[in-house]
């Protein structure tokens, strides 16, 4: 469905599997938004989704790699010669790095977060999550086409932890990746707490 001019939408007469629904929202200039929320039969089930601006935080050359830092201090480090295009071919040109950090201390976190605070751990069990921050990242060529890391390559990500939450930050924490096909967070690696940030590595 398409929303009206004010962003309102209504999906009627849906046959739903299970007790939750998964929505994906797209709009030009915004990061795709994802939301999983509980639904009850025969009711209006309401959710509010705020999309994040797809802001280009910086540029680098794929052949050289390097670090891009956004205005909040979140960063992504890309190794040299590690980028491929949508067809899996090596890419050596300019890379635009779009980033949006989601502040875990925001009052509107339920509206801006990706998915919900649940996920599948390394054993495939569903578990409740606590977030110290989320980071949306896309790699684009100058024409806006999506790029990705080559197989076997990893990027390093840094997530700032708000001062109000630093007292409870553990030395290490699970690092979760949002699986857009499954519509849920999936545990993938471990992040380390360093100087007010969680830092971890991801293969895509």
N, C-alpha and C. Protein backbone atom coordinates (compact mmCIF):
# COMPACT_ATOMS: atom_id res chain seq x y z
N UNK A 1 0.84 -1.19 0.00
CA UNK A 1 0.00 0.00 0.00
C UNK A 1 0.88 1.24 0.00
N UNK A 2 0.29 2.37 -0.42
CA UNK A 2 0.95 3.67 -0.31
C UNK A 2 0.27 4.47 0.79
N UNK A 3 1.06 5.28 1.48
CA UNK A 3 0.50 6.14 2.51
C UNK A 3 -0.20 7.34 1.85
N UNK A 4 -0.98 8.07 2.66
CA UNK A 4 -1.50 9.35 2.17
C UNK A 4 -0.42 10.41 2.35
N UNK A 5 -0.76 11.68 2.11
CA UNK A 5 0.22 12.76 2.17
C UNK A 5 0.78 12.94 3.58
N UNK A 6 0.10 12.42 4.58
CA UNK A 6 0.53 12.60 5.96
C UNK A 6 1.21 11.35 6.52
N UNK A 7 1.41 10.34 5.66
CA UNK A 7 2.08 9.13 6.11
C UNK A 7 1.18 8.08 6.69
N UNK A 8 -0.12 8.29 6.68
CA UNK A 8 -1.05 7.30 7.23
C UNK A 8 -1.28 6.17 6.23
N UNK A 9 -1.45 4.96 6.75
CA UNK A 9 -1.74 3.82 5.88
C UNK A 9 -2.68 2.87 6.60
N UNK A 10 -3.39 2.07 5.82
CA UNK A 10 -4.31 1.08 6.38
C UNK A 10 -4.26 -0.16 5.50
N UNK A 11 -3.97 -1.29 6.10
CA UNK A 11 -3.96 -2.57 5.39
C UNK A 11 -5.10 -3.40 5.97
N UNK A 12 -6.06 -3.76 5.14
CA UNK A 12 -7.28 -4.42 5.62
C UNK A 12 -7.34 -5.88 5.17
N UNK A 13 -8.08 -6.67 5.93
CA UNK A 13 -8.42 -8.06 5.57
C UNK A 13 -7.17 -8.87 5.26
N UNK A 14 -6.25 -8.87 6.21
CA UNK A 14 -4.98 -9.58 6.03
C UNK A 14 -5.03 -10.93 6.72
N UNK A 15 -4.61 -11.97 6.01
CA UNK A 15 -4.41 -13.27 6.63
C UNK A 15 -2.98 -13.33 7.13
N UNK A 16 -2.82 -13.36 8.44
CA UNK A 16 -1.49 -13.24 9.04
C UNK A 16 -1.08 -14.56 9.68
N UNK A 17 0.18 -14.93 9.49
CA UNK A 17 0.72 -16.14 10.09
C UNK A 17 1.41 -15.78 11.40
N UNK A 18 0.93 -16.31 12.50
CA UNK A 18 1.54 -16.01 13.79
C UNK A 18 0.92 -14.79 14.44
N UNK A 19 1.57 -14.33 15.52
CA UNK A 19 1.01 -13.26 16.33
C UNK A 19 1.69 -11.92 16.10
N UNK A 20 2.52 -11.83 15.07
CA UNK A 20 3.17 -10.56 14.76
C UNK A 20 3.16 -10.33 13.26
N UNK A 21 3.32 -9.07 12.88
CA UNK A 21 3.38 -8.68 11.46
C UNK A 21 4.71 -8.00 11.20
N UNK A 22 5.20 -8.13 9.98
CA UNK A 22 6.46 -7.52 9.57
C UNK A 22 6.19 -6.54 8.44
N UNK A 23 6.60 -5.30 8.64
CA UNK A 23 6.43 -4.26 7.63
C UNK A 23 7.78 -3.77 7.14
N UNK A 24 7.85 -3.49 5.84
CA UNK A 24 9.01 -2.82 5.24
C UNK A 24 8.50 -1.56 4.56
N UNK A 25 9.15 -0.43 4.84
CA UNK A 25 8.71 0.86 4.33
C UNK A 25 9.83 1.47 3.50
N UNK A 26 9.48 1.98 2.31
CA UNK A 26 10.47 2.58 1.42
C UNK A 26 10.04 3.99 1.03
N UNK A 27 11.03 4.87 0.96
CA UNK A 27 10.80 6.22 0.45
C UNK A 27 12.13 6.77 -0.04
N UNK A 28 12.10 7.48 -1.16
CA UNK A 28 13.31 8.05 -1.72
C UNK A 28 13.96 8.99 -0.72
N UNK A 29 15.28 8.90 -0.59
CA UNK A 29 16.02 9.77 0.31
C UNK A 29 16.05 9.30 1.75
N UNK A 30 15.40 8.16 2.05
CA UNK A 30 15.36 7.62 3.40
C UNK A 30 15.92 6.20 3.41
N UNK A 31 16.48 5.80 4.54
CA UNK A 31 16.80 4.39 4.71
C UNK A 31 15.51 3.59 4.78
N UNK A 32 15.51 2.40 4.19
CA UNK A 32 14.36 1.52 4.35
C UNK A 32 14.11 1.31 5.84
N UNK A 33 12.83 1.28 6.20
CA UNK A 33 12.45 1.06 7.60
C UNK A 33 11.82 -0.31 7.73
N UNK A 34 12.02 -0.95 8.88
CA UNK A 34 11.51 -2.30 9.13
C UNK A 34 10.87 -2.32 10.51
N UNK A 35 9.73 -2.97 10.61
CA UNK A 35 9.05 -3.02 11.90
C UNK A 35 8.32 -4.35 12.05
N UNK A 36 8.55 -5.00 13.16
CA UNK A 36 7.77 -6.18 13.55
C UNK A 36 7.00 -5.81 14.80
N UNK A 37 5.69 -6.05 14.78
CA UNK A 37 4.86 -5.68 15.93
C UNK A 37 3.74 -6.68 16.11
N UNK A 38 3.26 -6.80 17.33
CA UNK A 38 2.21 -7.74 17.66
C UNK A 38 0.87 -7.32 17.08
N UNK A 39 0.07 -8.31 16.65
CA UNK A 39 -1.25 -8.03 16.08
C UNK A 39 -2.30 -8.92 16.73
N UNK A 40 -3.51 -8.39 16.83
CA UNK A 40 -4.65 -9.13 17.37
C UNK A 40 -5.72 -9.23 16.31
N UNK A 41 -6.35 -10.38 16.22
CA UNK A 41 -7.39 -10.61 15.22
C UNK A 41 -8.61 -9.73 15.50
N UNK A 42 -9.17 -9.18 14.42
CA UNK A 42 -10.39 -8.40 14.53
C UNK A 42 -10.20 -7.02 15.14
N UNK A 43 -8.98 -6.55 15.21
CA UNK A 43 -8.68 -5.24 15.80
C UNK A 43 -7.95 -4.36 14.79
N UNK A 44 -7.99 -3.03 15.04
CA UNK A 44 -7.05 -2.13 14.38
C UNK A 44 -5.74 -2.21 15.16
N UNK A 45 -4.69 -2.68 14.51
CA UNK A 45 -3.37 -2.81 15.13
C UNK A 45 -2.50 -1.67 14.63
N UNK A 46 -2.02 -0.83 15.54
CA UNK A 46 -1.40 0.43 15.18
C UNK A 46 0.11 0.40 15.43
N UNK A 47 0.85 1.00 14.53
CA UNK A 47 2.28 1.21 14.74
C UNK A 47 2.67 2.54 14.12
N UNK A 48 3.72 3.14 14.65
CA UNK A 48 4.26 4.40 14.13
C UNK A 48 5.72 4.16 13.76
N UNK A 49 6.08 4.54 12.54
CA UNK A 49 7.43 4.31 12.04
C UNK A 49 8.01 5.64 11.57
N UNK A 50 9.15 6.02 12.13
CA UNK A 50 9.87 7.21 11.68
C UNK A 50 11.09 6.76 10.88
N UNK A 51 11.19 7.24 9.65
CA UNK A 51 12.29 6.84 8.77
C UNK A 51 13.48 7.79 8.96
N UNK A 52 14.68 7.24 8.76
CA UNK A 52 15.91 8.01 8.93
C UNK A 52 16.39 8.53 7.57
N UNK A 53 16.87 9.78 7.56
CA UNK A 53 17.41 10.36 6.35
C UNK A 53 18.63 9.57 5.88
N UNK A 54 18.71 9.32 4.57
CA UNK A 54 19.86 8.63 4.02
C UNK A 54 20.93 9.68 3.69
N UNK A 55 21.63 10.11 4.73
CA UNK A 55 22.63 11.18 4.61
C UNK A 55 23.98 10.59 4.26
N UNK A 56 24.63 11.18 3.26
CA UNK A 56 25.99 10.76 2.90
C UNK A 56 26.96 11.34 3.92
N UNK A 57 27.55 10.48 4.74
CA UNK A 57 28.44 10.93 5.80
C UNK A 57 29.85 11.21 5.28
N UNK A 58 30.20 10.62 4.14
CA UNK A 58 31.54 10.84 3.58
C UNK A 58 31.77 9.97 2.36
N UNK A 59 32.91 10.18 1.74
CA UNK A 59 33.30 9.43 0.54
C UNK A 59 34.69 8.85 0.75
N UNK A 60 34.95 7.77 0.02
CA UNK A 60 36.29 7.21 -0.04
C UNK A 60 36.45 6.50 -1.37
N UNK A 61 37.65 6.08 -1.66
CA UNK A 61 37.94 5.33 -2.87
C UNK A 61 38.05 3.85 -2.52
N UNK A 62 37.30 3.03 -3.23
CA UNK A 62 37.26 1.61 -2.91
C UNK A 62 38.64 0.97 -2.94
N UNK A 63 39.48 1.41 -3.86
CA UNK A 63 40.82 0.82 -3.97
C UNK A 63 41.69 1.14 -2.75
N UNK A 64 41.40 2.27 -2.08
CA UNK A 64 42.18 2.67 -0.91
C UNK A 64 41.53 2.28 0.40
N UNK A 65 40.18 2.20 0.43
CA UNK A 65 39.48 1.98 1.68
C UNK A 65 39.61 3.21 2.58
N UNK A 66 39.31 3.02 3.86
CA UNK A 66 39.43 4.12 4.81
C UNK A 66 38.26 4.20 5.76
N UNK A 67 38.24 5.28 6.55
CA UNK A 67 37.22 5.46 7.59
C UNK A 67 36.34 6.65 7.26
N UNK A 68 35.03 6.48 7.50
CA UNK A 68 34.06 7.57 7.40
C UNK A 68 33.38 7.70 8.76
N UNK A 69 33.33 8.93 9.28
CA UNK A 69 32.74 9.20 10.58
C UNK A 69 31.57 10.15 10.39
N UNK A 70 30.41 9.85 11.03
CA UNK A 70 29.27 10.74 10.89
C UNK A 70 29.27 11.80 12.00
N UNK A 71 28.27 12.66 11.99
CA UNK A 71 28.23 13.80 12.92
C UNK A 71 28.08 13.35 14.37
N UNK A 72 27.63 12.12 14.61
CA UNK A 72 27.45 11.62 15.97
C UNK A 72 28.65 10.85 16.49
N UNK A 73 29.66 10.65 15.63
CA UNK A 73 30.84 9.90 16.02
C UNK A 73 30.80 8.44 15.65
N UNK A 74 29.69 7.97 15.07
CA UNK A 74 29.65 6.60 14.55
C UNK A 74 30.59 6.52 13.34
N UNK A 75 31.20 5.36 13.14
CA UNK A 75 32.13 5.25 12.02
C UNK A 75 32.05 3.89 11.36
N UNK A 76 32.54 3.84 10.13
CA UNK A 76 32.73 2.59 9.41
C UNK A 76 34.11 2.62 8.78
N UNK A 77 34.87 1.55 8.97
CA UNK A 77 36.20 1.37 8.37
C UNK A 77 36.09 0.31 7.29
N UNK A 78 36.51 0.66 6.08
CA UNK A 78 36.48 -0.29 4.97
C UNK A 78 37.91 -0.63 4.54
N UNK A 79 38.23 -1.91 4.37
CA UNK A 79 39.57 -2.28 3.90
C UNK A 79 39.73 -1.94 2.42
N UNK A 80 40.97 -1.82 1.93
CA UNK A 80 41.18 -1.54 0.51
C UNK A 80 40.81 -2.73 -0.37
N UNK A 81 40.36 -2.42 -1.58
CA UNK A 81 40.06 -3.44 -2.59
C UNK A 81 39.09 -4.51 -2.05
N UNK A 82 38.04 -4.05 -1.36
CA UNK A 82 37.13 -4.98 -0.71
C UNK A 82 35.69 -4.80 -1.17
N UNK A 83 35.44 -3.95 -2.17
CA UNK A 83 34.08 -3.60 -2.55
C UNK A 83 33.72 -4.24 -3.90
N UNK A 84 32.47 -4.70 -3.99
CA UNK A 84 31.94 -5.24 -5.25
C UNK A 84 30.63 -4.53 -5.57
N UNK A 85 30.26 -4.58 -6.85
CA UNK A 85 28.98 -3.99 -7.24
C UNK A 85 27.85 -5.00 -7.03
N UNK A 86 26.64 -4.64 -7.46
CA UNK A 86 25.47 -5.49 -7.22
C UNK A 86 25.59 -6.85 -7.91
N UNK A 87 26.42 -6.94 -8.93
CA UNK A 87 26.61 -8.20 -9.65
C UNK A 87 27.81 -8.99 -9.14
N UNK A 88 28.45 -8.49 -8.07
CA UNK A 88 29.58 -9.19 -7.50
C UNK A 88 30.90 -8.91 -8.17
N UNK A 89 30.94 -7.91 -9.08
CA UNK A 89 32.19 -7.58 -9.76
C UNK A 89 33.01 -6.61 -8.94
N UNK A 90 34.36 -6.74 -8.94
CA UNK A 90 35.20 -5.82 -8.17
C UNK A 90 34.94 -4.37 -8.57
N UNK A 91 34.92 -3.50 -7.56
CA UNK A 91 34.64 -2.08 -7.78
C UNK A 91 35.78 -1.28 -7.18
N UNK A 92 36.32 -0.32 -7.93
CA UNK A 92 37.48 0.42 -7.46
C UNK A 92 37.25 1.93 -7.43
N UNK A 93 36.05 2.38 -7.75
CA UNK A 93 35.78 3.82 -7.84
C UNK A 93 35.40 4.45 -6.52
N UNK A 94 34.71 5.59 -6.61
CA UNK A 94 34.28 6.35 -5.44
C UNK A 94 33.13 5.64 -4.73
N UNK A 95 33.18 5.63 -3.41
CA UNK A 95 32.13 5.03 -2.59
C UNK A 95 31.53 6.13 -1.72
N UNK A 96 30.22 6.35 -1.87
CA UNK A 96 29.48 7.23 -0.95
C UNK A 96 28.98 6.38 0.21
N UNK A 97 29.29 6.80 1.42
CA UNK A 97 28.88 6.04 2.60
C UNK A 97 27.74 6.80 3.28
N UNK A 98 26.54 6.22 3.21
CA UNK A 98 25.37 6.79 3.88
C UNK A 98 25.24 6.14 5.25
N UNK A 99 25.01 6.97 6.29
CA UNK A 99 24.94 6.45 7.65
C UNK A 99 23.84 7.14 8.43
N UNK A 100 23.20 6.40 9.32
CA UNK A 100 22.23 6.97 10.26
C UNK A 100 22.36 6.21 11.58
N UNK A 101 22.80 6.91 12.61
CA UNK A 101 22.91 6.31 13.95
C UNK A 101 21.61 6.50 14.68
N UNK A 102 21.11 5.45 15.32
CA UNK A 102 19.87 5.50 16.09
C UNK A 102 20.24 5.52 17.57
N UNK A 103 19.94 6.63 18.23
CA UNK A 103 20.29 6.87 19.62
C UNK A 103 19.42 6.00 20.53
N UNK A 104 20.02 5.08 21.30
CA UNK A 104 19.21 4.19 22.14
C UNK A 104 18.55 4.89 23.32
N UNK A 105 18.98 6.13 23.61
CA UNK A 105 18.39 6.87 24.72
C UNK A 105 17.28 7.82 24.26
N UNK A 106 16.96 7.80 22.95
CA UNK A 106 15.93 8.68 22.42
C UNK A 106 14.56 8.34 22.98
N UNK A 107 13.76 9.37 23.26
CA UNK A 107 12.41 9.15 23.75
C UNK A 107 11.55 8.46 22.70
N UNK A 108 11.88 8.68 21.42
CA UNK A 108 11.09 8.07 20.34
C UNK A 108 11.75 6.81 19.78
N UNK A 109 12.58 6.14 20.59
CA UNK A 109 13.24 4.92 20.12
C UNK A 109 12.25 3.90 19.57
N UNK A 110 11.08 3.67 20.20
CA UNK A 110 10.14 2.68 19.63
C UNK A 110 9.69 3.02 18.21
N UNK A 111 9.78 4.29 17.83
CA UNK A 111 9.34 4.70 16.49
C UNK A 111 10.47 4.70 15.48
N UNK A 112 11.72 4.94 15.93
CA UNK A 112 12.84 5.05 14.99
C UNK A 112 13.67 3.78 14.89
N UNK A 113 13.50 2.84 15.82
CA UNK A 113 14.36 1.66 15.81
C UNK A 113 14.02 0.75 14.62
N UNK A 114 14.98 -0.08 14.28
CA UNK A 114 14.80 -1.07 13.23
C UNK A 114 14.22 -2.33 13.84
N UNK A 115 13.13 -2.84 13.24
CA UNK A 115 12.51 -4.07 13.75
C UNK A 115 11.91 -3.88 15.12
N UNK A 116 12.16 -4.84 16.01
CA UNK A 116 11.76 -4.73 17.41
C UNK A 116 12.91 -5.25 18.24
N UNK A 117 12.76 -5.21 19.56
CA UNK A 117 13.86 -5.64 20.43
C UNK A 117 13.77 -7.13 20.73
N UNK A 118 13.84 -7.91 19.66
CA UNK A 118 13.95 -9.36 19.78
C UNK A 118 14.79 -9.86 18.62
N UNK A 119 15.37 -11.04 18.78
CA UNK A 119 16.21 -11.57 17.72
C UNK A 119 16.51 -13.04 17.92
N UNK A 120 17.27 -13.61 16.98
CA UNK A 120 17.68 -15.01 17.02
C UNK A 120 19.15 -15.07 17.43
N UNK A 121 19.44 -15.78 18.52
CA UNK A 121 20.83 -15.87 18.97
C UNK A 121 21.60 -16.89 18.12
N UNK A 122 22.83 -17.15 18.50
CA UNK A 122 23.69 -18.03 17.70
C UNK A 122 23.15 -19.45 17.59
N UNK A 123 22.32 -19.86 18.57
CA UNK A 123 21.73 -21.20 18.54
C UNK A 123 20.37 -21.21 17.84
N UNK A 124 19.94 -20.04 17.35
CA UNK A 124 18.66 -19.96 16.65
C UNK A 124 17.47 -19.77 17.57
N UNK A 125 17.73 -19.48 18.85
CA UNK A 125 16.64 -19.26 19.80
C UNK A 125 16.23 -17.80 19.81
N UNK A 126 14.92 -17.54 19.88
CA UNK A 126 14.46 -16.15 19.95
C UNK A 126 14.66 -15.63 21.36
N UNK A 127 15.19 -14.39 21.44
CA UNK A 127 15.52 -13.81 22.73
C UNK A 127 15.20 -12.32 22.72
N UNK A 128 14.94 -11.78 23.91
CA UNK A 128 14.71 -10.34 24.05
C UNK A 128 16.05 -9.61 24.04
N UNK A 129 16.06 -8.41 23.50
CA UNK A 129 17.28 -7.63 23.35
C UNK A 129 17.22 -6.33 24.14
N UNK A 130 18.40 -5.84 24.50
CA UNK A 130 18.60 -4.47 24.96
C UNK A 130 19.54 -3.80 23.97
N UNK A 131 19.26 -2.56 23.60
CA UNK A 131 20.09 -1.92 22.59
C UNK A 131 20.94 -0.80 23.19
N UNK A 132 22.20 -0.77 22.78
CA UNK A 132 23.10 0.34 23.07
C UNK A 132 23.32 1.19 21.82
N UNK A 133 22.47 1.00 20.83
CA UNK A 133 22.55 1.80 19.60
C UNK A 133 22.44 0.93 18.37
N UNK A 134 21.88 1.53 17.32
CA UNK A 134 21.75 0.88 16.03
C UNK A 134 22.38 1.78 14.97
N UNK A 135 22.91 1.18 13.92
CA UNK A 135 23.56 1.94 12.87
C UNK A 135 23.12 1.41 11.51
N UNK A 136 22.50 2.29 10.71
CA UNK A 136 22.15 1.94 9.34
C UNK A 136 23.24 2.46 8.42
N UNK A 137 23.74 1.59 7.54
CA UNK A 137 24.83 1.95 6.64
C UNK A 137 24.53 1.42 5.24
N UNK A 138 24.74 2.24 4.24
CA UNK A 138 24.70 1.78 2.85
C UNK A 138 25.91 2.32 2.11
N UNK A 139 26.46 1.48 1.24
CA UNK A 139 27.56 1.87 0.36
C UNK A 139 26.99 2.05 -1.03
N UNK A 140 27.27 3.20 -1.65
CA UNK A 140 26.68 3.56 -2.94
C UNK A 140 27.74 4.06 -3.89
N UNK A 141 27.54 3.80 -5.19
CA UNK A 141 28.40 4.45 -6.18
C UNK A 141 27.84 5.84 -6.47
N UNK A 142 28.55 6.67 -7.25
CA UNK A 142 28.07 8.04 -7.46
C UNK A 142 26.69 8.14 -8.12
N UNK A 143 26.23 7.06 -8.75
CA UNK A 143 24.90 7.06 -9.37
C UNK A 143 23.81 6.57 -8.42
N UNK A 144 24.20 6.22 -7.17
CA UNK A 144 23.23 5.75 -6.20
C UNK A 144 23.00 4.26 -6.20
N UNK A 145 23.78 3.51 -6.98
CA UNK A 145 23.64 2.05 -7.00
C UNK A 145 24.33 1.44 -5.78
N UNK A 146 23.69 0.41 -5.20
CA UNK A 146 24.23 -0.19 -3.99
C UNK A 146 25.49 -0.99 -4.27
N UNK A 147 26.42 -0.89 -3.33
CA UNK A 147 27.65 -1.66 -3.35
C UNK A 147 27.69 -2.53 -2.10
N UNK A 148 28.63 -3.47 -2.04
CA UNK A 148 28.71 -4.34 -0.88
C UNK A 148 30.15 -4.78 -0.68
N UNK A 149 30.40 -5.42 0.47
CA UNK A 149 31.71 -6.00 0.72
C UNK A 149 31.84 -7.30 -0.07
N UNK A 150 33.04 -7.55 -0.57
CA UNK A 150 33.31 -8.80 -1.26
C UNK A 150 33.30 -9.94 -0.25
N UNK A 151 33.04 -11.14 -0.72
CA UNK A 151 33.04 -12.31 0.15
C UNK A 151 34.40 -12.47 0.82
N UNK A 152 34.40 -12.71 2.12
CA UNK A 152 35.63 -12.87 2.86
C UNK A 152 36.19 -11.58 3.44
N UNK A 153 35.59 -10.45 3.10
CA UNK A 153 36.04 -9.15 3.62
C UNK A 153 35.16 -8.73 4.79
N UNK A 154 35.71 -7.86 5.64
CA UNK A 154 34.95 -7.37 6.78
C UNK A 154 35.15 -5.86 6.92
N UNK A 155 34.10 -5.20 7.39
CA UNK A 155 34.17 -3.79 7.76
C UNK A 155 34.12 -3.69 9.27
N UNK A 156 34.75 -2.65 9.79
CA UNK A 156 34.67 -2.38 11.22
C UNK A 156 33.70 -1.23 11.45
N UNK A 157 32.79 -1.42 12.40
CA UNK A 157 31.80 -0.40 12.73
C UNK A 157 32.01 0.08 14.16
N UNK A 158 31.75 1.38 14.38
CA UNK A 158 31.82 1.94 15.72
C UNK A 158 30.52 2.63 16.06
N UNK A 159 29.95 2.29 17.25
CA UNK A 159 28.66 2.83 17.69
C UNK A 159 28.89 3.65 18.96
N UNK A 160 28.62 4.95 18.95
CA UNK A 160 28.75 5.73 20.20
C UNK A 160 27.71 5.28 21.22
N UNK A 161 28.10 5.23 22.49
CA UNK A 161 27.18 4.91 23.58
C UNK A 161 26.88 6.21 24.32
N UNK A 162 25.61 6.59 24.45
CA UNK A 162 25.27 7.82 25.17
C UNK A 162 25.86 7.81 26.58
N UNK A 163 26.26 8.98 27.06
CA UNK A 163 26.86 9.09 28.39
C UNK A 163 25.95 8.48 29.45
N UNK A 164 24.64 8.65 29.30
CA UNK A 164 23.69 8.15 30.29
C UNK A 164 23.67 6.63 30.37
N UNK A 165 24.24 5.94 29.37
CA UNK A 165 24.22 4.48 29.34
C UNK A 165 25.60 3.86 29.51
N UNK A 166 26.64 4.69 29.56
CA UNK A 166 28.00 4.16 29.60
C UNK A 166 28.29 3.40 30.90
N UNK A 167 27.59 3.75 31.99
CA UNK A 167 27.84 3.08 33.26
C UNK A 167 27.43 1.62 33.28
N UNK A 168 26.55 1.23 32.36
CA UNK A 168 26.09 -0.16 32.32
C UNK A 168 26.66 -0.93 31.12
N UNK A 169 27.52 -0.27 30.34
CA UNK A 169 28.10 -0.92 29.16
C UNK A 169 29.11 -1.98 29.57
N UNK A 170 28.92 -3.20 29.11
CA UNK A 170 29.84 -4.28 29.43
C UNK A 170 31.03 -4.26 28.47
N UNK A 171 32.12 -4.92 28.89
CA UNK A 171 33.35 -4.92 28.09
C UNK A 171 33.13 -5.51 26.70
N UNK A 172 32.31 -6.56 26.64
CA UNK A 172 31.95 -7.15 25.34
C UNK A 172 30.44 -7.35 25.32
N UNK A 173 29.87 -7.33 24.11
CA UNK A 173 28.44 -7.53 23.94
C UNK A 173 28.19 -8.16 22.59
N UNK A 174 27.10 -8.92 22.45
CA UNK A 174 26.78 -9.49 21.14
C UNK A 174 26.52 -8.38 20.12
N UNK A 175 26.96 -8.62 18.90
CA UNK A 175 26.70 -7.70 17.80
C UNK A 175 25.66 -8.35 16.89
N UNK A 176 24.56 -7.63 16.67
CA UNK A 176 23.42 -8.17 15.94
C UNK A 176 23.28 -7.48 14.60
N UNK A 177 22.90 -8.23 13.58
CA UNK A 177 22.67 -7.72 12.23
C UNK A 177 21.20 -7.94 11.89
N UNK A 178 20.57 -6.93 11.27
CA UNK A 178 19.16 -7.09 10.92
C UNK A 178 19.02 -7.83 9.60
N UNK A 179 18.37 -9.00 9.63
CA UNK A 179 18.13 -9.81 8.44
C UNK A 179 16.82 -9.36 7.81
N UNK A 180 16.91 -8.66 6.69
CA UNK A 180 15.73 -8.09 6.05
C UNK A 180 14.81 -9.15 5.47
N UNK A 181 15.34 -10.33 5.15
CA UNK A 181 14.50 -11.40 4.61
C UNK A 181 13.70 -12.08 5.73
N UNK A 182 14.34 -12.30 6.88
CA UNK A 182 13.66 -12.93 8.01
C UNK A 182 12.82 -11.93 8.79
N UNK A 183 13.17 -10.64 8.68
CA UNK A 183 12.47 -9.62 9.45
C UNK A 183 12.79 -9.68 10.93
N UNK A 184 14.07 -9.93 11.26
CA UNK A 184 14.47 -10.01 12.66
C UNK A 184 15.96 -9.77 12.80
N UNK A 185 16.37 -9.43 14.03
CA UNK A 185 17.80 -9.33 14.34
C UNK A 185 18.40 -10.73 14.49
N UNK A 186 19.66 -10.87 14.04
CA UNK A 186 20.36 -12.15 14.11
C UNK A 186 21.74 -11.89 14.73
N UNK A 187 22.07 -12.65 15.77
CA UNK A 187 23.39 -12.50 16.39
C UNK A 187 24.47 -12.96 15.42
N UNK A 188 25.49 -12.12 15.23
CA UNK A 188 26.49 -12.46 14.22
C UNK A 188 27.92 -12.39 14.73
N UNK A 189 28.20 -11.52 15.71
CA UNK A 189 29.58 -11.34 16.12
C UNK A 189 29.59 -10.75 17.53
N UNK A 190 30.74 -10.29 17.96
CA UNK A 190 30.90 -9.67 19.28
C UNK A 190 31.48 -8.27 19.11
N UNK A 191 30.94 -7.32 19.87
CA UNK A 191 31.46 -5.96 19.88
C UNK A 191 32.21 -5.72 21.18
N UNK A 192 33.23 -4.87 21.13
CA UNK A 192 34.06 -4.55 22.29
C UNK A 192 33.86 -3.09 22.66
N UNK A 193 33.73 -2.81 23.95
CA UNK A 193 33.52 -1.45 24.42
C UNK A 193 34.87 -0.75 24.55
N UNK A 194 35.03 0.36 23.82
CA UNK A 194 36.29 1.09 23.80
C UNK A 194 36.01 2.59 23.79
N UNK A 195 36.43 3.28 24.84
CA UNK A 195 36.38 4.75 24.87
C UNK A 195 35.00 5.31 24.51
N UNK A 196 33.96 4.75 25.14
CA UNK A 196 32.62 5.27 24.91
C UNK A 196 31.95 4.77 23.65
N UNK A 197 32.53 3.76 23.01
CA UNK A 197 31.94 3.20 21.80
C UNK A 197 31.98 1.67 21.85
N UNK A 198 31.01 1.05 21.19
CA UNK A 198 31.10 -0.37 20.88
C UNK A 198 31.65 -0.50 19.47
N UNK A 199 32.66 -1.35 19.31
CA UNK A 199 33.33 -1.53 18.02
C UNK A 199 33.29 -3.02 17.67
N UNK A 200 32.87 -3.32 16.45
CA UNK A 200 32.81 -4.70 16.01
C UNK A 200 32.99 -4.81 14.51
N UNK A 201 33.10 -6.05 14.04
CA UNK A 201 33.35 -6.30 12.63
C UNK A 201 32.18 -7.06 12.01
N UNK A 202 31.85 -6.71 10.76
CA UNK A 202 30.74 -7.34 10.05
C UNK A 202 31.18 -7.69 8.62
N UNK A 203 30.64 -8.77 8.04
CA UNK A 203 31.07 -9.20 6.72
C UNK A 203 30.20 -8.68 5.58
N UNK A 204 29.27 -7.77 5.88
CA UNK A 204 28.41 -7.22 4.82
C UNK A 204 27.83 -5.90 5.30
